[in-house]
Amino acid sequence: MRSFLCAACAVLSIVAHVSAEEGAVKSELNDAAKEVLAKVQSLREQEKKEIEKIENKEERDLVETMAIEAEVKDLKAERPKRDTPTDLFSLLKPKTVEPKPDKVSQARQARQARQAGIRARRVRRNKQRRAAAAARRNAKLRRVRRNRAAARQARARLIRRLQRAKINQANKRAAEAKLADQLKKE
């Protein structure tokens, strides 16, 4: 019952809102439109009189509800989809107008925007500096590793050369000793 009353109040407020708009627009209508409007209003009045003739209160409420639902359905069908309010009570609420920001708040917002830009540039610059420093460190480490690897390779070559020289010298001595032994035997 409560929801019915709320719906009825909402529909009546819509009808009142529409009728108020009709009064404002009525002066702009031509004669043919005024005649149609008069017929529609007379039909509404006849509907109200017919509903009042019903003696049983429950039946009268039921007929009123059906009439209101039909009217709401017609209103929804006539209007474009985006114009149909999802909340019927929103029509009753006064529309809030956001105040324009004064010059002080505009200046504060502009200052905050400038400072945010400065902070962003500083962060970006510091990030680039850190990246450049890291690249320099990595390049230095690569040079050190490359130099150490080259030194290891040179040391290994030198050790192999010395080992070959020792082996060659030992082979040479062995060959000379063998030759000397053969000469002694003869």
N, C-alpha and C. Protein backbone atom coordinates (compact mmCIF):
# COMPACT_ATOMS: atom_id res chain seq x y z
N MET A 1 0.83 -1.19 0.00
CA MET A 1 0.00 0.00 0.00
C MET A 1 0.87 1.25 0.00
N ARG A 2 1.95 1.20 0.80
CA ARG A 2 2.84 2.36 0.90
C ARG A 2 3.49 2.64 -0.46
N SER A 3 3.93 1.56 -1.13
CA SER A 3 4.57 1.74 -2.44
C SER A 3 3.56 2.29 -3.45
N PHE A 4 2.30 1.86 -3.32
CA PHE A 4 1.26 2.38 -4.20
C PHE A 4 1.10 3.88 -3.98
N LEU A 5 1.07 4.29 -2.71
CA LEU A 5 0.92 5.72 -2.41
C LEU A 5 2.11 6.51 -2.93
N CYS A 6 3.30 5.96 -2.75
CA CYS A 6 4.50 6.65 -3.25
C CYS A 6 4.45 6.79 -4.76
N ALA A 7 4.04 5.71 -5.43
CA ALA A 7 3.96 5.74 -6.89
C ALA A 7 2.89 6.74 -7.33
N ALA A 8 1.76 6.73 -6.62
CA ALA A 8 0.69 7.65 -6.97
C ALA A 8 1.14 9.10 -6.78
N CYS A 9 1.83 9.37 -5.67
CA CYS A 9 2.33 10.73 -5.43
C CYS A 9 3.33 11.13 -6.50
N ALA A 10 4.18 10.21 -6.86
CA ALA A 10 5.18 10.51 -7.88
C ALA A 10 4.51 10.82 -9.22
N VAL A 11 3.53 10.01 -9.58
CA VAL A 11 2.83 10.22 -10.85
C VAL A 11 2.07 11.53 -10.82
N LEU A 12 1.42 11.81 -9.69
CA LEU A 12 0.69 13.08 -9.58
C LEU A 12 1.64 14.27 -9.66
N SER A 13 2.82 14.12 -9.06
CA SER A 13 3.78 15.23 -9.15
C SER A 13 4.26 15.41 -10.58
N ILE A 14 4.41 14.29 -11.30
CA ILE A 14 4.80 14.38 -12.72
C ILE A 14 3.70 15.07 -13.51
N VAL A 15 2.47 14.65 -13.24
CA VAL A 15 1.34 15.25 -13.95
C VAL A 15 1.26 16.74 -13.63
N ALA A 16 1.48 17.11 -12.37
CA ALA A 16 1.47 18.52 -11.99
C ALA A 16 2.60 19.26 -12.68
N HIS A 17 3.75 18.63 -12.73
CA HIS A 17 4.91 19.23 -13.38
C HIS A 17 4.62 19.45 -14.87
N VAL A 18 4.04 18.42 -15.50
CA VAL A 18 3.71 18.51 -16.92
C VAL A 18 2.63 19.56 -17.15
N SER A 19 1.64 19.61 -16.24
CA SER A 19 0.57 20.60 -16.41
C SER A 19 1.11 22.02 -16.20
N ALA A 20 2.08 22.19 -15.32
CA ALA A 20 2.70 23.51 -15.14
C ALA A 20 3.45 23.91 -16.40
N GLU A 21 4.11 22.94 -17.00
CA GLU A 21 4.80 23.22 -18.26
C GLU A 21 3.79 23.52 -19.36
N GLU A 22 2.65 22.83 -19.31
CA GLU A 22 1.61 23.06 -20.30
C GLU A 22 1.12 24.50 -20.21
N GLY A 23 0.98 25.00 -18.97
CA GLY A 23 0.53 26.38 -18.79
C GLY A 23 1.52 27.37 -19.37
N ALA A 24 2.80 27.09 -19.23
CA ALA A 24 3.82 27.98 -19.75
C ALA A 24 3.87 27.92 -21.27
N VAL A 25 3.61 26.75 -21.82
CA VAL A 25 3.71 26.56 -23.27
C VAL A 25 2.40 26.91 -23.96
N LYS A 26 1.32 26.97 -23.20
CA LYS A 26 -0.01 27.15 -23.77
C LYS A 26 -0.09 28.42 -24.62
N SER A 27 0.58 29.47 -24.19
CA SER A 27 0.51 30.72 -24.93
C SER A 27 1.18 30.61 -26.29
N GLU A 28 2.09 29.64 -26.47
CA GLU A 28 2.81 29.49 -27.73
C GLU A 28 2.08 28.58 -28.71
N LEU A 29 0.97 27.96 -28.29
CA LEU A 29 0.27 27.01 -29.15
C LEU A 29 -0.64 27.73 -30.14
N ASN A 30 -0.87 27.09 -31.30
CA ASN A 30 -1.82 27.65 -32.27
C ASN A 30 -3.23 27.17 -31.91
N ASP A 31 -4.21 27.57 -32.69
CA ASP A 31 -5.62 27.27 -32.36
C ASP A 31 -5.91 25.77 -32.39
N ALA A 32 -5.41 25.06 -33.39
CA ALA A 32 -5.68 23.62 -33.51
C ALA A 32 -5.11 22.87 -32.30
N ALA A 33 -3.91 23.26 -31.90
CA ALA A 33 -3.28 22.61 -30.76
C ALA A 33 -4.04 22.92 -29.48
N LYS A 34 -4.56 24.14 -29.38
CA LYS A 34 -5.33 24.51 -28.19
C LYS A 34 -6.62 23.69 -28.10
N GLU A 35 -7.24 23.43 -29.25
CA GLU A 35 -8.45 22.61 -29.26
C GLU A 35 -8.15 21.18 -28.79
N VAL A 36 -7.03 20.63 -29.30
CA VAL A 36 -6.65 19.27 -28.89
C VAL A 36 -6.38 19.24 -27.40
N LEU A 37 -5.69 20.26 -26.91
CA LEU A 37 -5.38 20.34 -25.48
C LEU A 37 -6.67 20.43 -24.66
N ALA A 38 -7.63 21.21 -25.12
CA ALA A 38 -8.91 21.33 -24.41
C ALA A 38 -9.63 19.98 -24.38
N LYS A 39 -9.59 19.24 -25.50
CA LYS A 39 -10.23 17.92 -25.54
C LYS A 39 -9.56 16.96 -24.55
N VAL A 40 -8.22 17.00 -24.53
CA VAL A 40 -7.50 16.11 -23.61
C VAL A 40 -7.86 16.44 -22.17
N GLN A 41 -7.93 17.74 -21.86
CA GLN A 41 -8.28 18.13 -20.49
C GLN A 41 -9.71 17.73 -20.15
N SER A 42 -10.62 17.86 -21.09
CA SER A 42 -12.02 17.46 -20.81
C SER A 42 -12.10 15.95 -20.61
N LEU A 43 -11.32 15.19 -21.40
CA LEU A 43 -11.31 13.73 -21.21
C LEU A 43 -10.76 13.37 -19.83
N ARG A 44 -9.74 14.09 -19.38
CA ARG A 44 -9.20 13.82 -18.04
C ARG A 44 -10.25 14.10 -16.97
N GLU A 45 -10.97 15.20 -17.14
CA GLU A 45 -12.02 15.53 -16.16
C GLU A 45 -13.13 14.48 -16.17
N GLN A 46 -13.51 14.01 -17.37
CA GLN A 46 -14.52 12.96 -17.47
C GLN A 46 -14.04 11.69 -16.77
N GLU A 47 -12.75 11.38 -16.96
CA GLU A 47 -12.19 10.19 -16.32
C GLU A 47 -12.30 10.32 -14.80
N LYS A 48 -11.96 11.50 -14.29
CA LYS A 48 -12.05 11.70 -12.84
C LYS A 48 -13.50 11.55 -12.35
N LYS A 49 -14.44 12.10 -13.10
CA LYS A 49 -15.86 11.99 -12.71
C LYS A 49 -16.33 10.55 -12.72
N GLU A 50 -15.92 9.81 -13.76
CA GLU A 50 -16.30 8.40 -13.87
C GLU A 50 -15.73 7.60 -12.70
N ILE A 51 -14.49 7.92 -12.35
CA ILE A 51 -13.86 7.20 -11.23
C ILE A 51 -14.57 7.52 -9.93
N GLU A 52 -15.04 8.78 -9.76
CA GLU A 52 -15.74 9.17 -8.54
C GLU A 52 -17.10 8.47 -8.43
N LYS A 53 -17.67 8.07 -9.56
CA LYS A 53 -18.97 7.39 -9.54
C LYS A 53 -18.88 6.00 -8.93
N ILE A 54 -17.68 5.40 -8.98
CA ILE A 54 -17.52 4.06 -8.42
C ILE A 54 -17.63 4.17 -6.91
N GLU A 55 -18.53 3.37 -6.31
CA GLU A 55 -18.79 3.49 -4.87
C GLU A 55 -17.81 2.69 -4.04
N ASN A 56 -17.41 1.51 -4.51
CA ASN A 56 -16.49 0.66 -3.75
C ASN A 56 -15.09 1.30 -3.79
N LYS A 57 -14.56 1.55 -2.60
CA LYS A 57 -13.28 2.26 -2.52
C LYS A 57 -12.14 1.45 -3.12
N GLU A 58 -12.14 0.13 -2.87
CA GLU A 58 -11.06 -0.72 -3.39
C GLU A 58 -11.07 -0.74 -4.91
N GLU A 59 -12.28 -0.85 -5.49
CA GLU A 59 -12.38 -0.84 -6.95
C GLU A 59 -11.94 0.51 -7.51
N ARG A 60 -12.35 1.58 -6.83
CA ARG A 60 -11.97 2.92 -7.27
C ARG A 60 -10.45 3.08 -7.25
N ASP A 61 -9.81 2.61 -6.15
CA ASP A 61 -8.34 2.67 -6.06
C ASP A 61 -7.69 1.85 -7.17
N LEU A 62 -8.27 0.68 -7.42
CA LEU A 62 -7.73 -0.19 -8.48
C LEU A 62 -7.83 0.49 -9.85
N VAL A 63 -8.98 1.09 -10.13
CA VAL A 63 -9.17 1.77 -11.42
C VAL A 63 -8.22 2.97 -11.52
N GLU A 64 -8.09 3.73 -10.42
CA GLU A 64 -7.16 4.87 -10.43
C GLU A 64 -5.74 4.40 -10.70
N THR A 65 -5.36 3.31 -10.04
CA THR A 65 -4.01 2.77 -10.23
C THR A 65 -3.80 2.37 -11.68
N MET A 66 -4.79 1.67 -12.23
CA MET A 66 -4.66 1.24 -13.63
C MET A 66 -4.57 2.45 -14.56
N ALA A 67 -5.35 3.48 -14.29
CA ALA A 67 -5.33 4.68 -15.13
C ALA A 67 -3.97 5.37 -15.03
N ILE A 68 -3.47 5.47 -13.80
CA ILE A 68 -2.17 6.11 -13.60
C ILE A 68 -1.07 5.31 -14.28
N GLU A 69 -1.13 3.98 -14.14
CA GLU A 69 -0.12 3.14 -14.78
C GLU A 69 -0.17 3.28 -16.30
N ALA A 70 -1.38 3.34 -16.85
CA ALA A 70 -1.52 3.51 -18.30
C ALA A 70 -0.95 4.86 -18.73
N GLU A 71 -1.23 5.90 -17.93
CA GLU A 71 -0.72 7.23 -18.27
C GLU A 71 0.81 7.27 -18.19
N VAL A 72 1.35 6.64 -17.17
CA VAL A 72 2.81 6.59 -17.03
C VAL A 72 3.42 5.81 -18.19
N LYS A 73 2.76 4.70 -18.55
CA LYS A 73 3.25 3.88 -19.67
C LYS A 73 3.24 4.71 -20.95
N ASP A 74 2.15 5.48 -21.16
CA ASP A 74 2.08 6.33 -22.35
C ASP A 74 3.17 7.39 -22.33
N LEU A 75 3.38 7.98 -21.15
CA LEU A 75 4.44 9.00 -21.05
C LEU A 75 5.80 8.41 -21.39
N LYS A 76 6.07 7.21 -20.85
CA LYS A 76 7.36 6.57 -21.12
C LYS A 76 7.49 6.23 -22.59
N ALA A 77 6.39 5.80 -23.22
CA ALA A 77 6.44 5.43 -24.63
C ALA A 77 6.65 6.65 -25.52
N GLU A 78 6.08 7.79 -25.13
CA GLU A 78 6.19 9.00 -25.95
C GLU A 78 7.57 9.63 -25.86
N ARG A 79 8.17 9.60 -24.70
CA ARG A 79 9.45 10.29 -24.53
C ARG A 79 10.60 9.41 -24.98
N PRO A 80 11.68 10.02 -25.43
CA PRO A 80 12.87 9.23 -25.76
C PRO A 80 13.42 8.54 -24.53
N LYS A 81 14.18 7.49 -24.75
CA LYS A 81 14.66 6.65 -23.65
C LYS A 81 15.48 7.44 -22.64
N ARG A 82 16.36 8.31 -23.11
CA ARG A 82 17.26 9.00 -22.18
C ARG A 82 16.54 10.04 -21.32
N ASP A 83 15.34 10.47 -21.77
CA ASP A 83 14.61 11.46 -21.00
C ASP A 83 13.77 10.85 -19.89
N THR A 84 13.58 9.53 -19.89
CA THR A 84 12.77 8.92 -18.85
C THR A 84 13.54 8.91 -17.55
N PRO A 85 12.98 9.49 -16.51
CA PRO A 85 13.71 9.51 -15.24
C PRO A 85 13.69 8.13 -14.59
N THR A 86 14.83 7.74 -14.08
CA THR A 86 14.89 6.46 -13.39
C THR A 86 14.34 6.61 -11.99
N ASP A 87 14.51 7.79 -11.42
CA ASP A 87 14.02 8.05 -10.08
C ASP A 87 12.95 9.14 -10.19
N LEU A 88 11.70 8.77 -9.98
CA LEU A 88 10.62 9.75 -10.13
C LEU A 88 10.70 10.85 -9.08
N PHE A 89 11.27 10.54 -7.92
CA PHE A 89 11.36 11.55 -6.87
C PHE A 89 12.44 12.57 -7.17
N SER A 90 13.32 12.28 -8.12
CA SER A 90 14.36 13.25 -8.46
C SER A 90 13.76 14.49 -9.10
N LEU A 91 12.56 14.35 -9.69
CA LEU A 91 11.90 15.52 -10.26
C LEU A 91 11.46 16.49 -9.18
N LEU A 92 11.20 15.97 -7.99
CA LEU A 92 10.74 16.82 -6.90
C LEU A 92 11.89 17.55 -6.21
N LYS A 93 13.09 16.98 -6.31
CA LYS A 93 14.23 17.57 -5.62
C LYS A 93 14.71 18.80 -6.38
N PRO A 94 15.08 19.85 -5.67
CA PRO A 94 15.62 21.01 -6.39
C PRO A 94 17.00 20.67 -6.97
N LYS A 95 17.24 21.18 -8.16
CA LYS A 95 18.52 20.90 -8.81
C LYS A 95 19.60 21.75 -8.15
N THR A 96 20.71 21.09 -7.81
CA THR A 96 21.81 21.80 -7.17
C THR A 96 22.69 22.41 -8.25
N VAL A 97 22.99 23.66 -8.06
CA VAL A 97 23.87 24.37 -8.99
C VAL A 97 25.22 24.50 -8.31
N GLU A 98 26.24 23.98 -8.97
CA GLU A 98 27.57 24.06 -8.37
C GLU A 98 28.07 25.49 -8.47
N PRO A 99 28.55 26.03 -7.36
CA PRO A 99 29.03 27.42 -7.40
C PRO A 99 30.32 27.51 -8.20
N LYS A 100 30.48 28.65 -8.86
CA LYS A 100 31.71 28.86 -9.62
C LYS A 100 32.84 29.12 -8.63
N PRO A 101 34.01 28.57 -8.91
CA PRO A 101 35.12 28.80 -7.99
C PRO A 101 35.56 30.26 -8.04
N ASP A 102 35.84 30.80 -6.86
CA ASP A 102 36.26 32.20 -6.81
C ASP A 102 37.71 32.32 -7.25
N LYS A 103 38.19 33.56 -7.34
CA LYS A 103 39.54 33.80 -7.87
C LYS A 103 40.62 33.22 -6.98
N VAL A 104 40.38 33.21 -5.67
CA VAL A 104 41.39 32.67 -4.75
C VAL A 104 41.57 31.18 -4.99
N SER A 105 40.45 30.47 -5.09
CA SER A 105 40.57 29.02 -5.29
C SER A 105 41.11 28.72 -6.69
N GLN A 106 40.76 29.55 -7.68
CA GLN A 106 41.33 29.36 -9.02
C GLN A 106 42.83 29.56 -9.00
N ALA A 107 43.28 30.61 -8.28
CA ALA A 107 44.72 30.86 -8.18
C ALA A 107 45.41 29.71 -7.47
N ARG A 108 44.77 29.19 -6.40
CA ARG A 108 45.34 28.07 -5.67
C ARG A 108 45.45 26.83 -6.57
N GLN A 109 44.39 26.58 -7.34
CA GLN A 109 44.42 25.43 -8.25
C GLN A 109 45.51 25.60 -9.30
N ALA A 110 45.65 26.82 -9.84
CA ALA A 110 46.69 27.06 -10.85
C ALA A 110 48.07 26.86 -10.24
N ARG A 111 48.26 27.36 -8.99
CA ARG A 111 49.56 27.20 -8.32
C ARG A 111 49.85 25.72 -8.07
N GLN A 112 48.83 25.00 -7.63
CA GLN A 112 49.02 23.56 -7.39
C GLN A 112 49.35 22.83 -8.69
N ALA A 113 48.72 23.24 -9.78
CA ALA A 113 49.01 22.61 -11.07
C ALA A 113 50.45 22.90 -11.49
N ARG A 114 50.89 24.16 -11.30
CA ARG A 114 52.29 24.50 -11.64
C ARG A 114 53.26 23.70 -10.79
N GLN A 115 52.98 23.65 -9.48
CA GLN A 115 53.88 22.91 -8.59
C GLN A 115 53.89 21.43 -8.93
N ALA A 116 52.75 20.89 -9.33
CA ALA A 116 52.71 19.48 -9.73
C ALA A 116 53.56 19.26 -10.97
N GLY A 117 53.50 20.21 -11.91
CA GLY A 117 54.34 20.12 -13.11
C GLY A 117 55.82 20.19 -12.77
N ILE A 118 56.16 21.10 -11.85
CA ILE A 118 57.57 21.22 -11.43
C ILE A 118 58.02 19.94 -10.76
N ARG A 119 57.16 19.39 -9.87
CA ARG A 119 57.52 18.13 -9.20
C ARG A 119 57.70 17.00 -10.21
N ALA A 120 56.83 16.95 -11.18
CA ALA A 120 56.92 15.88 -12.19
C ALA A 120 58.21 16.01 -12.99
N ARG A 121 58.57 17.27 -13.36
CA ARG A 121 59.83 17.47 -14.10
C ARG A 121 61.02 17.08 -13.24
N ARG A 122 60.97 17.44 -11.94
CA ARG A 122 62.08 17.11 -11.04
C ARG A 122 62.22 15.59 -10.90
N VAL A 123 61.09 14.91 -10.74
CA VAL A 123 61.12 13.45 -10.61
C VAL A 123 61.68 12.83 -11.88
N ARG A 124 61.22 13.34 -13.04
CA ARG A 124 61.70 12.81 -14.32
C ARG A 124 63.21 13.05 -14.48
N ARG A 125 63.66 14.27 -14.13
CA ARG A 125 65.09 14.60 -14.24
C ARG A 125 65.92 13.72 -13.32
N ASN A 126 65.45 13.54 -12.06
CA ASN A 126 66.20 12.68 -11.12
C ASN A 126 66.24 11.24 -11.62
N LYS A 127 65.14 10.79 -12.20
CA LYS A 127 65.10 9.43 -12.73
C LYS A 127 66.12 9.28 -13.86
N GLN A 128 66.18 10.29 -14.74
CA GLN A 128 67.14 10.24 -15.84
C GLN A 128 68.57 10.28 -15.31
N ARG A 129 68.81 11.11 -14.28
CA ARG A 129 70.16 11.18 -13.70
C ARG A 129 70.55 9.85 -13.09
N ARG A 130 69.62 9.24 -12.34
CA ARG A 130 69.93 7.93 -11.75
C ARG A 130 70.22 6.89 -12.83
N ALA A 131 69.44 6.94 -13.91
CA ALA A 131 69.65 5.98 -15.00
C ALA A 131 71.01 6.21 -15.65
N ALA A 132 71.41 7.49 -15.85
CA ALA A 132 72.71 7.78 -16.45
C ALA A 132 73.84 7.34 -15.54
N ALA A 133 73.69 7.58 -14.22
CA ALA A 133 74.73 7.16 -13.26
C ALA A 133 74.84 5.64 -13.26
N ALA A 134 73.72 4.94 -13.31
CA ALA A 134 73.75 3.47 -13.34
C ALA A 134 74.41 2.99 -14.63
N ALA A 135 74.15 3.67 -15.75
CA ALA A 135 74.78 3.28 -17.02
C ALA A 135 76.29 3.49 -16.94
N ARG A 136 76.72 4.61 -16.32
CA ARG A 136 78.18 4.85 -16.17
C ARG A 136 78.81 3.78 -15.30
N ARG A 137 78.14 3.44 -14.18
CA ARG A 137 78.67 2.39 -13.30
C ARG A 137 78.78 1.06 -14.04
N ASN A 138 77.73 0.72 -14.78
CA ASN A 138 77.74 -0.54 -15.53
C ASN A 138 78.84 -0.55 -16.58
N ALA A 139 79.05 0.59 -17.26
CA ALA A 139 80.12 0.66 -18.27
C ALA A 139 81.48 0.48 -17.61
N LYS A 140 81.67 1.12 -16.45
CA LYS A 140 82.95 0.98 -15.74
C LYS A 140 83.17 -0.47 -15.32
N LEU A 141 82.11 -1.12 -14.80
CA LEU A 141 82.22 -2.53 -14.40
C LEU A 141 82.54 -3.41 -15.61
N ARG A 142 81.90 -3.12 -16.76
CA ARG A 142 82.20 -3.90 -17.97
C ARG A 142 83.66 -3.74 -18.38
N ARG A 143 84.18 -2.50 -18.31
CA ARG A 143 85.60 -2.26 -18.66
C ARG A 143 86.51 -3.04 -17.73
N VAL A 144 86.21 -2.99 -16.41
CA VAL A 144 87.05 -3.70 -15.43
C VAL A 144 87.02 -5.19 -15.71
N ARG A 145 85.83 -5.74 -15.95
CA ARG A 145 85.72 -7.18 -16.23
C ARG A 145 86.47 -7.54 -17.51
N ARG A 146 86.33 -6.70 -18.54
CA ARG A 146 87.01 -6.97 -19.81
C ARG A 146 88.52 -6.94 -19.61
N ASN A 147 89.02 -5.95 -18.86
CA ASN A 147 90.47 -5.85 -18.61
C ASN A 147 90.96 -7.05 -17.81
N ARG A 148 90.17 -7.46 -16.80
CA ARG A 148 90.58 -8.62 -16.00
C ARG A 148 90.61 -9.89 -16.86
N ALA A 149 89.59 -10.05 -17.73
CA ALA A 149 89.55 -11.23 -18.61
C ALA A 149 90.75 -11.21 -19.56
N ALA A 150 91.10 -10.03 -20.10
CA ALA A 150 92.25 -9.93 -21.00
C ALA A 150 93.54 -10.26 -20.26
N ALA A 151 93.66 -9.79 -19.00
CA ALA A 151 94.87 -10.08 -18.20
C ALA A 151 94.96 -11.58 -17.93
N ARG A 152 93.82 -12.22 -17.60
CA ARG A 152 93.83 -13.67 -17.37
C ARG A 152 94.28 -14.42 -18.63
N GLN A 153 93.74 -14.00 -19.77
CA GLN A 153 94.11 -14.67 -21.03
C GLN A 153 95.60 -14.48 -21.34
N ALA A 154 96.14 -13.27 -21.12
CA ALA A 154 97.56 -13.02 -21.38
C ALA A 154 98.42 -13.86 -20.44
N ARG A 155 98.01 -13.93 -19.17
CA ARG A 155 98.76 -14.74 -18.19
C ARG A 155 98.74 -16.21 -18.59
N ALA A 156 97.57 -16.72 -19.05
CA ALA A 156 97.45 -18.11 -19.47
C ALA A 156 98.33 -18.37 -20.69
N ARG A 157 98.37 -17.40 -21.65
CA ARG A 157 99.25 -17.57 -22.82
C ARG A 157 100.71 -17.62 -22.41
N LEU A 158 101.10 -16.76 -21.49
CA LEU A 158 102.49 -16.72 -21.01
C LEU A 158 102.85 -18.02 -20.32
N ILE A 159 101.94 -18.53 -19.48
CA ILE A 159 102.20 -19.80 -18.77
C ILE A 159 102.33 -20.94 -19.78
N ARG A 160 101.46 -20.99 -20.79
CA ARG A 160 101.56 -22.04 -21.81
C ARG A 160 102.88 -21.94 -22.57
N ARG A 161 103.31 -20.71 -22.91
CA ARG A 161 104.57 -20.54 -23.61
C ARG A 161 105.74 -21.04 -22.77
N LEU A 162 105.71 -20.70 -21.46
CA LEU A 162 106.79 -21.16 -20.57
C LEU A 162 106.79 -22.68 -20.47
N GLN A 163 105.59 -23.26 -20.35
CA GLN A 163 105.50 -24.73 -20.26
C GLN A 163 106.03 -25.38 -21.54
N ARG A 164 105.66 -24.81 -22.71
CA ARG A 164 106.18 -25.35 -23.97
C ARG A 164 107.71 -25.24 -24.03
N ALA A 165 108.23 -24.12 -23.55
CA ALA A 165 109.69 -23.93 -23.57
C ALA A 165 110.37 -24.96 -22.68
N LYS A 166 109.77 -25.21 -21.48
CA LYS A 166 110.35 -26.22 -20.57
C LYS A 166 110.31 -27.60 -21.21
N ILE A 167 109.16 -27.93 -21.82
CA ILE A 167 109.01 -29.25 -22.45
C ILE A 167 110.01 -29.38 -23.60
N ASN A 168 110.12 -28.33 -24.42
CA ASN A 168 111.07 -28.38 -25.55
C ASN A 168 112.51 -28.52 -25.05
N GLN A 169 112.83 -27.82 -23.97
CA GLN A 169 114.19 -27.90 -23.41
C GLN A 169 114.46 -29.29 -22.86
N ALA A 170 113.44 -29.85 -22.19
CA ALA A 170 113.61 -31.20 -21.64
C ALA A 170 113.75 -32.21 -22.78
N ASN A 171 112.96 -32.08 -23.84
CA ASN A 171 113.07 -32.98 -24.99
C ASN A 171 114.44 -32.84 -25.66
N LYS A 172 114.92 -31.60 -25.75
CA LYS A 172 116.22 -31.35 -26.37
C LYS A 172 117.31 -32.03 -25.57
N ARG A 173 117.25 -31.90 -24.22
CA ARG A 173 118.27 -32.54 -23.36
C ARG A 173 118.19 -34.06 -23.50
N ALA A 174 116.96 -34.59 -23.54
CA ALA A 174 116.80 -36.03 -23.66
C ALA A 174 117.38 -36.51 -25.00
N ALA A 175 117.15 -35.76 -26.06
CA ALA A 175 117.67 -36.13 -27.37
C ALA A 175 119.20 -36.07 -27.38
N GLU A 176 119.76 -35.06 -26.73
CA GLU A 176 121.23 -34.94 -26.66
C GLU A 176 121.81 -36.08 -25.84
N ALA A 177 121.14 -36.44 -24.74
CA ALA A 177 121.63 -37.53 -23.89
C ALA A 177 121.56 -38.84 -24.66
N LYS A 178 120.52 -39.05 -25.41
CA LYS A 178 120.37 -40.26 -26.20
C LYS A 178 121.46 -40.33 -27.27
N LEU A 179 121.72 -39.22 -27.90
CA LEU A 179 122.76 -39.16 -28.92
C LEU A 179 124.13 -39.44 -28.31
N ALA A 180 124.33 -38.89 -27.14
CA ALA A 180 125.62 -39.11 -26.45
C ALA A 180 125.76 -40.58 -26.09
N ASP A 181 124.70 -41.22 -25.65
CA ASP A 181 124.75 -42.65 -25.31
C ASP A 181 125.06 -43.49 -26.55
N GLN A 182 124.47 -43.15 -27.64
CA GLN A 182 124.73 -43.90 -28.87
C GLN A 182 126.19 -43.74 -29.32
N LEU A 183 126.71 -42.56 -29.15
CA LEU A 183 128.11 -42.32 -29.53
C LEU A 183 129.05 -43.10 -28.62
N LYS A 184 128.70 -43.23 -27.35
CA LYS A 184 129.56 -43.97 -26.42
C LYS A 184 129.55 -45.45 -26.79
N LYS A 185 128.44 -45.96 -27.20
CA LYS A 185 128.33 -47.38 -27.52
C LYS A 185 129.13 -47.69 -28.78
N GLU A 186 129.32 -46.82 -29.64
CA GLU A 186 130.05 -47.09 -30.87
C GLU A 186 131.48 -46.97 -30.65
